[in-house]
Amino acid sequence: MHHVSPEYSQNAAFILEMRFSSHYARQVKKIMERCFNMID
């Protein structure tokens, strides 16, 4: 495994987070809605 600078890995993690956050948020919203529907 080649060495990666901390700055680069932090940046890559941030980019991945940004890319997946909207998709993840939608999934969480769906699950939350399902849970609230079960409670009602």
PDB file of N, CA and C in Angstrom:
ATOM      1  N   MET A   1       0.845  -1.202   0.000  1.00  0.00           N
ATOM      2  CA  MET A   1       0.000   0.000   0.000  1.00  0.00           C
ATOM      3  C   MET A   1       0.879   1.250   0.000  1.00  0.00           C
ATOM      4  N   HIS A   2       0.591   2.181  -0.888  1.00  0.00           N
ATOM      5  CA  HIS A   2       1.414   3.386  -0.954  1.00  0.00           C
ATOM      6  C   HIS A   2       0.949   4.407   0.077  1.00  0.00           C
ATOM      7  N   HIS A   3       1.889   5.239   0.494  1.00  0.00           N
ATOM      8  CA  HIS A   3       1.597   6.225   1.535  1.00  0.00           C
ATOM      9  C   HIS A   3       0.755   7.371   0.970  1.00  0.00           C
ATOM     10  N   VAL A   4      -0.276   7.736   1.695  1.00  0.00           N
ATOM     11  CA  VAL A   4      -1.138   8.852   1.294  1.00  0.00           C
ATOM     12  C   VAL A   4      -1.064   9.913   2.377  1.00  0.00           C
ATOM     13  N   SER A   5      -0.900  11.153   1.976  1.00  0.00           N
ATOM     14  CA  SER A   5      -0.806  12.230   2.953  1.00  0.00           C
ATOM     15  C   SER A   5      -2.144  12.419   3.672  1.00  0.00           C
ATOM     16  N   PRO A   6      -2.123  12.805   4.944  1.00  0.00           N
ATOM     17  CA  PRO A   6      -3.364  13.007   5.702  1.00  0.00           C
ATOM     18  C   PRO A   6      -4.287  14.027   5.043  1.00  0.00           C
ATOM     19  N   GLU A   7      -3.690  15.062   4.459  1.00  0.00           N
ATOM     20  CA  GLU A   7      -4.500  16.096   3.806  1.00  0.00           C
ATOM     21  C   GLU A   7      -5.303  15.488   2.662  1.00  0.00           C
ATOM     22  N   TYR A   8      -4.642  14.627   1.887  1.00  0.00           N
ATOM     23  CA  TYR A   8      -5.313  14.016   0.737  1.00  0.00           C
ATOM     24  C   TYR A   8      -6.432  13.091   1.189  1.00  0.00           C
ATOM     25  N   SER A   9      -6.161  12.262   2.188  1.00  0.00           N
ATOM     26  CA  SER A   9      -7.177  11.314   2.649  1.00  0.00           C
ATOM     27  C   SER A   9      -8.360  12.053   3.268  1.00  0.00           C
ATOM     28  N   GLN A  10      -8.082  13.141   3.987  1.00  0.00           N
ATOM     29  CA  GLN A  10      -9.167  13.952   4.554  1.00  0.00           C
ATOM     30  C   GLN A  10     -10.017  14.530   3.432  1.00  0.00           C
ATOM     31  N   ASN A  11      -9.338  15.043   2.400  1.00  0.00           N
ATOM     32  CA  ASN A  11     -10.030  15.634   1.263  1.00  0.00           C
ATOM     33  C   ASN A  11     -10.876  14.590   0.549  1.00  0.00           C
ATOM     34  N   ALA A  12     -10.320  13.409   0.332  1.00  0.00           N
ATOM     35  CA  ALA A  12     -11.038  12.335  -0.344  1.00  0.00           C
ATOM     36  C   ALA A  12     -12.258  11.922   0.469  1.00  0.00           C
ATOM     37  N   ALA A  13     -12.086  11.818   1.782  1.00  0.00           N
ATOM     38  CA  ALA A  13     -13.198  11.448   2.656  1.00  0.00           C
ATOM     39  C   ALA A  13     -14.294  12.504   2.574  1.00  0.00           C
ATOM     40  N   PHE A  14     -13.889  13.776   2.543  1.00  0.00           N
ATOM     41  CA  PHE A  14     -14.857  14.869   2.463  1.00  0.00           C
ATOM     42  C   PHE A  14     -15.643  14.806   1.159  1.00  0.00           C
ATOM     43  N   ILE A  15     -14.936  14.562   0.059  1.00  0.00           N
ATOM     44  CA  ILE A  15     -15.587  14.481  -1.257  1.00  0.00           C
ATOM     45  C   ILE A  15     -16.566  13.313  -1.281  1.00  0.00           C
ATOM     46  N   LEU A  16     -16.144  12.158  -0.743  1.00  0.00           N
ATOM     47  CA  LEU A  16     -17.028  10.994  -0.693  1.00  0.00           C
ATOM     48  C   LEU A  16     -18.256  11.307   0.150  1.00  0.00           C
ATOM     49  N   GLU A  17     -18.048  11.985   1.270  1.00  0.00           N
ATOM     50  CA  GLU A  17     -19.145  12.342   2.161  1.00  0.00           C
ATOM     51  C   GLU A  17     -20.137  13.239   1.435  1.00  0.00           C
ATOM     52  N   MET A  18     -19.627  14.231   0.725  1.00  0.00           N
ATOM     53  CA  MET A  18     -20.489  15.154  -0.014  1.00  0.00           C
ATOM     54  C   MET A  18     -21.277  14.400  -1.074  1.00  0.00           C
ATOM     55  N   ARG A  19     -20.615  13.474  -1.746  1.00  0.00           N
ATOM     56  CA  ARG A  19     -21.241  12.739  -2.844  1.00  0.00           C
ATOM     57  C   ARG A  19     -22.359  11.837  -2.332  1.00  0.00           C
ATOM     58  N   PHE A  20     -22.136  11.209  -1.169  1.00  0.00           N
ATOM     59  CA  PHE A  20     -23.104  10.239  -0.665  1.00  0.00           C
ATOM     60  C   PHE A  20     -24.124  10.839   0.296  1.00  0.00           C
ATOM     61  N   SER A  21     -23.847  12.044   0.816  1.00  0.00           N
ATOM     62  CA  SER A  21     -24.714  12.603   1.854  1.00  0.00           C
ATOM     63  C   SER A  21     -26.151  12.784   1.383  1.00  0.00           C
ATOM     64  N   SER A  22     -26.346  13.263   0.146  1.00  0.00           N
ATOM     65  CA  SER A  22     -27.707  13.495  -0.336  1.00  0.00           C
ATOM     66  C   SER A  22     -28.455  12.176  -0.498  1.00  0.00           C
ATOM     67  N   HIS A  23     -27.767  11.161  -1.037  1.00  0.00           N
ATOM     68  CA  HIS A  23     -28.381   9.842  -1.204  1.00  0.00           C
ATOM     69  C   HIS A  23     -28.694   9.240   0.166  1.00  0.00           C
ATOM     70  N   TYR A  24     -27.729   9.349   1.082  1.00  0.00           N
ATOM     71  CA  TYR A  24     -27.891   8.809   2.426  1.00  0.00           C
ATOM     72  C   TYR A  24     -29.047   9.504   3.143  1.00  0.00           C
ATOM     73  N   ALA A  25     -29.120  10.821   3.000  1.00  0.00           N
ATOM     74  CA  ALA A  25     -30.186  11.588   3.646  1.00  0.00           C
ATOM     75  C   ALA A  25     -31.551  11.129   3.158  1.00  0.00           C
ATOM     76  N   ARG A  26     -31.657  10.864   1.856  1.00  0.00           N
ATOM     77  CA  ARG A  26     -32.934  10.399   1.298  1.00  0.00           C
ATOM     78  C   ARG A  26     -33.314   9.036   1.875  1.00  0.00           C
ATOM     79  N   GLN A  27     -32.320   8.135   1.980  1.00  0.00           N
ATOM     80  CA  GLN A  27     -32.570   6.808   2.539  1.00  0.00           C
ATOM     81  C   GLN A  27     -33.038   6.919   3.988  1.00  0.00           C
ATOM     82  N   VAL A  28     -32.355   7.753   4.764  1.00  0.00           N
ATOM     83  CA  VAL A  28     -32.703   7.947   6.174  1.00  0.00           C
ATOM     84  C   VAL A  28     -34.109   8.520   6.283  1.00  0.00           C
ATOM     85  N   LYS A  29     -34.429   9.469   5.417  1.00  0.00           N
ATOM     86  CA  LYS A  29     -35.762  10.085   5.438  1.00  0.00           C
ATOM     87  C   LYS A  29     -36.838   9.029   5.191  1.00  0.00           C
ATOM     88  N   LYS A  30     -36.586   8.150   4.235  1.00  0.00           N
ATOM     89  CA  LYS A  30     -37.543   7.073   3.933  1.00  0.00           C
ATOM     90  C   LYS A  30     -37.744   6.178   5.153  1.00  0.00           C
ATOM     91  N   ILE A  31     -36.629   5.798   5.781  1.00  0.00           N
ATOM     92  CA  ILE A  31     -36.698   4.917   6.953  1.00  0.00           C
ATOM     93  C   ILE A  31     -37.429   5.621   8.091  1.00  0.00           C
ATOM     94  N   MET A  32     -37.125   6.900   8.307  1.00  0.00           N
ATOM     95  CA  MET A  32     -37.778   7.677   9.358  1.00  0.00           C
ATOM     96  C   MET A  32     -39.274   7.732   9.118  1.00  0.00           C
ATOM     97  N   GLU A  33     -39.665   7.990   7.868  1.00  0.00           N
ATOM     98  CA  GLU A  33     -41.084   8.068   7.534  1.00  0.00           C
ATOM     99  C   GLU A  33     -41.779   6.741   7.819  1.00  0.00           C
ATOM    100  N   ARG A  34     -41.112   5.641   7.475  1.00  0.00           N
ATOM    101  CA  ARG A  34     -41.667   4.313   7.745  1.00  0.00           C
ATOM    102  C   ARG A  34     -41.869   4.108   9.241  1.00  0.00           C
ATOM    103  N   CYS A  35     -40.870   4.512  10.026  1.00  0.00           N
ATOM    104  CA  CYS A  35     -40.959   4.358  11.481  1.00  0.00           C
ATOM    105  C   CYS A  35     -42.112   5.184  12.037  1.00  0.00           C
ATOM    106  N   PHE A  36     -42.257   6.413  11.566  1.00  0.00           N
ATOM    107  CA  PHE A  36     -43.341   7.270  12.044  1.00  0.00           C
ATOM    108  C   PHE A  36     -44.694   6.699  11.647  1.00  0.00           C
ATOM    109  N   ASN A  37     -44.762   6.109  10.469  1.00  0.00           N
ATOM    110  CA  ASN A  37     -46.014   5.489  10.021  1.00  0.00           C
ATOM    111  C   ASN A  37     -46.381   4.304  10.906  1.00  0.00           C
ATOM    112  N   MET A  38     -45.366   3.553  11.342  1.00  0.00           N
ATOM    113  CA  MET A  38     -45.611   2.409  12.223  1.00  0.00           C
ATOM    114  C   MET A  38     -46.130   2.882  13.580  1.00  0.00           C
ATOM    115  N   ILE A  39     -45.587   3.996  14.060  1.00  0.00           N
ATOM    116  CA  ILE A  39     -45.978   4.536  15.370  1.00  0.00           C
ATOM    117  C   ILE A  39     -47.431   5.017  15.335  1.00  0.00           C
ATOM    118  N   ASP A  40     -47.816   5.658  14.254  1.00  0.00           N
ATOM    119  CA  ASP A  40     -49.181   6.211  14.153  1.00  0.00           C
ATOM    120  C   ASP A  40     -50.249   5.131  14.238  1.00  0.00           C
TER     121      ASP A  40
END
